[in-house]
């Protein structure tokens, strides 16, 4: 019988779960970067319609007075 952790997972299942979480985190970071790039290159309406939470975050993050081509990070 395989050894199980306190939550009932085998070590192999726990490793697989960690691996999947790393994959999800990586894909999330890639999506965030792609949506930001689209926003900065003028696809603001697309971002607003398809990724409204990203849109709100990006509006707060970048200076509204700068043109899209010249937006800069406020941080």
C-alpha atoms as a PDB file:
ATOM      1  CA  UNK A   1       0.000   0.000   0.000  1.00  0.00           C
ATOM      2  CA  UNK A   2       1.473   3.407  -0.975  1.00  0.00           C
ATOM      3  CA  UNK A   3       2.361   5.949   1.703  1.00  0.00           C
ATOM      4  CA  UNK A   4      -0.204   8.756   1.953  1.00  0.00           C
ATOM      5  CA  UNK A   5       0.063  12.297   3.258  1.00  0.00           C
ATOM      6  CA  UNK A   6      -2.274  13.777   5.845  1.00  0.00           C
ATOM      7  CA  UNK A   7      -4.678  14.889   3.117  1.00  0.00           C
ATOM      8  CA  UNK A   8      -4.762  11.390   1.619  1.00  0.00           C
ATOM      9  CA  UNK A   9      -2.534  12.036  -1.400  1.00  0.00           C
ATOM     10  CA  UNK A  10       0.299   9.743  -2.348  1.00  0.00           C
ATOM     11  CA  UNK A  11       3.680  11.484  -2.834  1.00  0.00           C
ATOM     12  CA  UNK A  12       3.315  10.938  -6.578  1.00  0.00           C
ATOM     13  CA  UNK A  13      -0.130  12.587  -6.600  1.00  0.00           C
ATOM     14  CA  UNK A  14       1.175  15.487  -4.501  1.00  0.00           C
ATOM     15  CA  UNK A  15       4.033  16.029  -6.977  1.00  0.00           C
ATOM     16  CA  UNK A  16       1.601  15.930  -9.874  1.00  0.00           C
ATOM     17  CA  UNK A  17      -0.650  18.466  -8.116  1.00  0.00           C
ATOM     18  CA  UNK A  18       2.327  20.795  -7.557  1.00  0.00           C
ATOM     19  CA  UNK A  19       3.360  20.411 -11.184  1.00  0.00           C
ATOM     20  CA  UNK A  20      -0.128  21.300 -12.388  1.00  0.00           C
ATOM     21  CA  UNK A  21      -0.206  24.357 -10.111  1.00  0.00           C
ATOM     22  CA  UNK A  22       3.128  25.518 -11.540  1.00  0.00           C
ATOM     23  CA  UNK A  23       1.671  25.114 -15.050  1.00  0.00           C
ATOM     24  CA  UNK A  24      -1.453  27.083 -14.125  1.00  0.00           C
ATOM     25  CA  UNK A  25       0.631  29.844 -12.529  1.00  0.00           C
ATOM     26  CA  UNK A  26       2.819  30.046 -15.633  1.00  0.00           C
ATOM     27  CA  UNK A  27      -0.163  30.241 -17.979  1.00  0.00           C
ATOM     28  CA  UNK A  28      -1.745  32.925 -15.801  1.00  0.00           C
ATOM     29  CA  UNK A  29       1.453  34.979 -15.939  1.00  0.00           C
ATOM     30  CA  UNK A  30       1.601  34.552 -19.730  1.00  0.00           C
ATOM     31  CA  UNK A  31      -2.021  35.689 -20.080  1.00  0.00           C
ATOM     32  CA  UNK A  32      -1.395  38.711 -17.848  1.00  0.00           C
ATOM     33  CA  UNK A  33       1.599  39.700 -19.987  1.00  0.00           C
ATOM     34  CA  UNK A  34      -0.288  39.220 -23.258  1.00  0.00           C
ATOM     35  CA  UNK A  35      -3.286  41.256 -22.102  1.00  0.00           C
ATOM     36  CA  UNK A  36      -0.985  44.042 -20.872  1.00  0.00           C
ATOM     37  CA  UNK A  37       0.850  44.081 -24.210  1.00  0.00           C
ATOM     38  CA  UNK A  38      -2.453  44.283 -26.082  1.00  0.00           C
ATOM     39  CA  UNK A  39      -3.576  47.151 -23.846  1.00  0.00           C
ATOM     40  CA  UNK A  40      -0.323  49.046 -24.340  1.00  0.00           C
ATOM     41  CA  UNK A  41      -0.484  48.572 -28.111  1.00  0.00           C
ATOM     42  CA  UNK A  42      -3.928  50.121 -28.380  1.00  0.00           C
ATOM     43  CA  UNK A  43      -6.329  47.197 -27.988  1.00  0.00           C
ATOM     44  CA  UNK A  44      -7.941  48.841 -24.979  1.00  0.00           C
ATOM     45  CA  UNK A  45     -11.506  48.125 -26.106  1.00  0.00           C
ATOM     46  CA  UNK A  46     -10.678  44.441 -26.672  1.00  0.00           C
ATOM     47  CA  UNK A  47      -9.138  44.240 -23.202  1.00  0.00           C
ATOM     48  CA  UNK A  48     -12.140  46.031 -21.677  1.00  0.00           C
ATOM     49  CA  UNK A  49     -14.595  43.628 -23.320  1.00  0.00           C
ATOM     50  CA  UNK A  50     -12.684  40.364 -22.913  1.00  0.00           C
ATOM     51  CA  UNK A  51     -10.686  40.896 -19.723  1.00  0.00           C
ATOM     52  CA  UNK A  52     -12.534  43.500 -17.622  1.00  0.00           C
ATOM     53  CA  UNK A  53     -10.601  42.809 -14.410  1.00  0.00           C
ATOM     54  CA  UNK A  54      -7.313  43.214 -16.270  1.00  0.00           C
ATOM     55  CA  UNK A  55      -8.676  46.399 -17.839  1.00  0.00           C
ATOM     56  CA  UNK A  56      -9.476  47.969 -14.462  1.00  0.00           C
ATOM     57  CA  UNK A  57      -6.070  46.984 -13.092  1.00  0.00           C
ATOM     58  CA  UNK A  58      -4.271  48.368 -16.141  1.00  0.00           C
ATOM     59  CA  UNK A  59      -6.192  51.650 -16.006  1.00  0.00           C
ATOM     60  CA  UNK A  60      -5.106  52.121 -12.407  1.00  0.00           C
ATOM     61  CA  UNK A  61      -1.530  51.087 -13.174  1.00  0.00           C
ATOM     62  CA  UNK A  62      -0.800  53.337 -16.132  1.00  0.00           C
ATOM     63  CA  UNK A  63      -0.984  57.097 -16.424  1.00  0.00           C
ATOM     64  CA  UNK A  64      -4.244  58.080 -18.135  1.00  0.00           C
ATOM     65  CA  UNK A  65      -2.775  61.356 -19.406  1.00  0.00           C
ATOM     66  CA  UNK A  66      -0.163  59.654 -21.616  1.00  0.00           C
ATOM     67  CA  UNK A  67      -1.040  58.514 -25.095  1.00  0.00           C
ATOM     68  CA  UNK A  68      -1.218  54.745 -25.521  1.00  0.00           C
ATOM     69  CA  UNK A  69       2.092  54.720 -27.345  1.00  0.00           C
ATOM     70  CA  UNK A  70       3.767  56.571 -24.501  1.00  0.00           C
ATOM     71  CA  UNK A  71       2.100  54.999 -21.454  1.00  0.00           C
ATOM     72  CA  UNK A  72       4.388  54.471 -18.559  1.00  0.00           C
ATOM     73  CA  UNK A  73       4.164  52.599 -15.313  1.00  0.00           C
ATOM     74  CA  UNK A  74       3.339  54.777 -12.318  1.00  0.00           C
ATOM     75  CA  UNK A  75       5.092  52.493  -9.830  1.00  0.00           C
END
